[in-house]
């Protein structure tokens, strides 16, 4: 499973309270307005999970907290935002994204019985992707 994004306060909130306090799933236009030109760090359970940079044309670059960068695309499918990293190892990763205050909250495949990802930090700096085997 290749997840995408979560706020420390939200990650520590009880799931029932969190589900009641968030807005409806974001549309592609709303998601783009919240993410375009930003690099967002996500957490799961209060622990940094990964970082994603959102580029024009629904392009993204994703990296797990300690992993290599992967380029991909995103698109809307029903109420979900799906990410395609063009990897034979990873299928589509679809999430419902919601707003709670200024934070993005995402549930994998919209399943609110699982732990969400929550945006922890937002920056306009690009994701640092030095590439594999740099300096070798």
Protein backbone atom coordinates (compact mmCIF):
# COMPACT_ATOMS: atom_id res chain seq x y z
CA UNK A 1 0.00 0.00 0.00
CA UNK A 2 1.42 3.39 -0.96
CA UNK A 3 -0.32 6.08 1.11
CA UNK A 4 -0.14 9.75 0.69
CA UNK A 5 -0.74 12.58 3.70
CA UNK A 6 -1.87 14.36 8.32
CA UNK A 7 -1.86 17.47 11.75
CA UNK A 8 -0.34 16.25 14.97
CA UNK A 9 -3.38 17.40 16.94
CA UNK A 10 -5.65 15.62 14.46
CA UNK A 11 -3.60 12.44 14.52
CA UNK A 12 -3.99 12.31 18.29
CA UNK A 13 -7.71 13.10 18.29
CA UNK A 14 -10.19 10.26 18.84
CA UNK A 15 -11.29 8.89 15.47
CA UNK A 16 -14.98 9.38 16.24
CA UNK A 17 -14.49 13.05 17.09
CA UNK A 18 -12.28 13.52 14.03
CA UNK A 19 -14.85 12.03 11.66
CA UNK A 20 -17.56 14.34 12.99
CA UNK A 21 -15.51 17.53 12.72
CA UNK A 22 -14.31 17.29 9.12
CA UNK A 23 -15.84 18.57 5.94
CA UNK A 24 -17.09 16.52 2.99
CA UNK A 25 -14.67 14.92 0.51
CA UNK A 26 -12.83 17.50 -1.59
CA UNK A 27 -13.45 17.71 -5.32
CA UNK A 28 -10.48 17.79 -7.71
CA UNK A 29 -10.79 21.58 -7.94
CA UNK A 30 -10.87 21.99 -4.16
CA UNK A 31 -7.96 19.57 -3.69
CA UNK A 32 -5.90 21.40 -6.32
CA UNK A 33 -6.65 24.75 -4.63
CA UNK A 34 -5.38 23.36 -1.30
CA UNK A 35 -2.25 21.65 -2.65
CA UNK A 36 -0.92 23.25 -5.87
CA UNK A 37 2.57 24.68 -5.43
CA UNK A 38 2.94 23.18 -1.96
CA UNK A 39 5.00 20.44 -0.39
CA UNK A 40 3.00 18.78 2.37
CA UNK A 41 4.30 16.50 5.11
CA UNK A 42 1.80 13.91 6.33
CA UNK A 43 1.69 11.95 9.56
CA UNK A 44 -0.04 8.79 10.67
CA UNK A 45 -0.72 8.41 14.37
CA UNK A 46 1.43 11.47 15.11
CA UNK A 47 4.50 10.03 13.33
CA UNK A 48 5.82 11.50 10.07
CA UNK A 49 4.69 9.23 7.25
CA UNK A 50 5.79 10.94 4.04
CA UNK A 51 5.99 14.10 1.97
CA UNK A 52 4.34 15.04 -1.31
CA UNK A 53 5.05 17.94 -3.64
CA UNK A 54 2.11 19.10 -5.77
CA UNK A 55 3.02 20.46 -9.21
CA UNK A 56 0.99 22.00 -12.05
CA UNK A 57 -1.01 19.66 -14.27
CA UNK A 58 -1.92 17.29 -11.41
CA UNK A 59 1.70 16.10 -11.17
CA UNK A 60 3.14 14.94 -7.83
CA UNK A 61 6.38 13.76 -6.28
CA UNK A 62 6.04 11.46 -3.24
CA UNK A 63 8.60 10.20 -0.75
CA UNK A 64 8.10 8.15 2.39
CA UNK A 65 9.83 9.72 5.40
CA UNK A 66 13.01 7.72 4.69
CA UNK A 67 12.53 6.79 1.05
CA UNK A 68 13.33 7.69 -2.53
CA UNK A 69 11.13 10.06 -4.51
CA UNK A 70 8.53 8.79 -6.93
CA UNK A 71 6.84 10.90 -9.60
CA UNK A 72 3.20 10.46 -10.45
CA UNK A 73 -0.12 11.98 -11.39
CA UNK A 74 -3.40 12.41 -9.56
CA UNK A 75 -7.01 12.52 -10.72
CA UNK A 76 -10.51 12.45 -9.26
CA UNK A 77 -12.47 9.18 -9.34
CA UNK A 78 -15.89 9.60 -7.74
CA UNK A 79 -15.33 11.13 -4.30
CA UNK A 80 -11.71 9.94 -4.20
CA UNK A 81 -8.42 11.49 -5.31
CA UNK A 82 -6.32 8.75 -6.90
CA UNK A 83 -2.54 8.73 -7.31
CA UNK A 84 -0.75 6.80 -10.04
CA UNK A 85 3.01 6.52 -9.53
CA UNK A 86 3.44 4.44 -12.71
CA UNK A 87 5.02 1.56 -10.83
CA UNK A 88 4.40 -2.11 -11.51
CA UNK A 89 4.73 -2.72 -7.75
CA UNK A 90 2.04 -0.25 -6.73
CA UNK A 91 -1.51 0.05 -8.00
CA UNK A 92 -3.66 3.14 -7.82
CA UNK A 93 -3.74 4.74 -4.40
CA UNK A 94 -7.15 6.35 -3.87
CA UNK A 95 -8.09 8.52 -0.89
CA UNK A 96 -10.87 10.81 0.22
CA UNK A 97 -9.41 14.15 1.29
CA UNK A 98 -11.25 16.39 3.72
CA UNK A 99 -10.54 19.70 5.44
CA UNK A 100 -10.53 20.15 9.20
CA UNK A 101 -9.61 23.76 9.83
CA UNK A 102 -6.43 24.29 7.77
CA UNK A 103 -5.42 20.62 7.81
CA UNK A 104 -5.97 17.99 5.15
CA UNK A 105 -7.27 14.66 6.45
CA UNK A 106 -7.20 11.61 4.16
CA UNK A 107 -8.70 8.14 4.45
CA UNK A 108 -7.46 5.36 2.20
CA UNK A 109 -10.28 4.44 -0.18
CA UNK A 110 -12.56 6.60 1.98
CA UNK A 111 -12.67 3.97 4.74
CA UNK A 112 -13.22 5.97 7.92
CA UNK A 113 -12.81 2.88 10.09
CA UNK A 114 -9.05 3.08 9.43
CA UNK A 115 -6.50 5.61 10.71
CA UNK A 116 -6.34 8.75 8.58
CA UNK A 117 -3.33 10.61 7.28
CA UNK A 118 -3.19 14.26 8.42
CA UNK A 119 -1.18 17.17 7.03
CA UNK A 120 1.52 18.04 9.53
CA UNK A 121 3.47 20.78 7.74
CA UNK A 122 3.12 22.78 4.52
CA UNK A 123 5.93 24.47 2.61
CA UNK A 124 6.45 26.13 -0.76
CA UNK A 125 9.97 24.65 -1.02
CA UNK A 126 10.35 21.79 -3.50
CA UNK A 127 10.83 18.26 -2.23
CA UNK A 128 14.53 17.40 -1.93
CA UNK A 129 15.08 14.44 -4.27
CA UNK A 130 18.82 13.83 -4.67
CA UNK A 131 18.24 10.57 -6.53
CA UNK A 132 19.44 7.05 -5.86
CA UNK A 133 23.12 6.30 -5.35
CA UNK A 134 24.23 9.96 -5.36
CA UNK A 135 27.96 10.17 -4.69
CA UNK A 136 28.58 6.49 -5.46
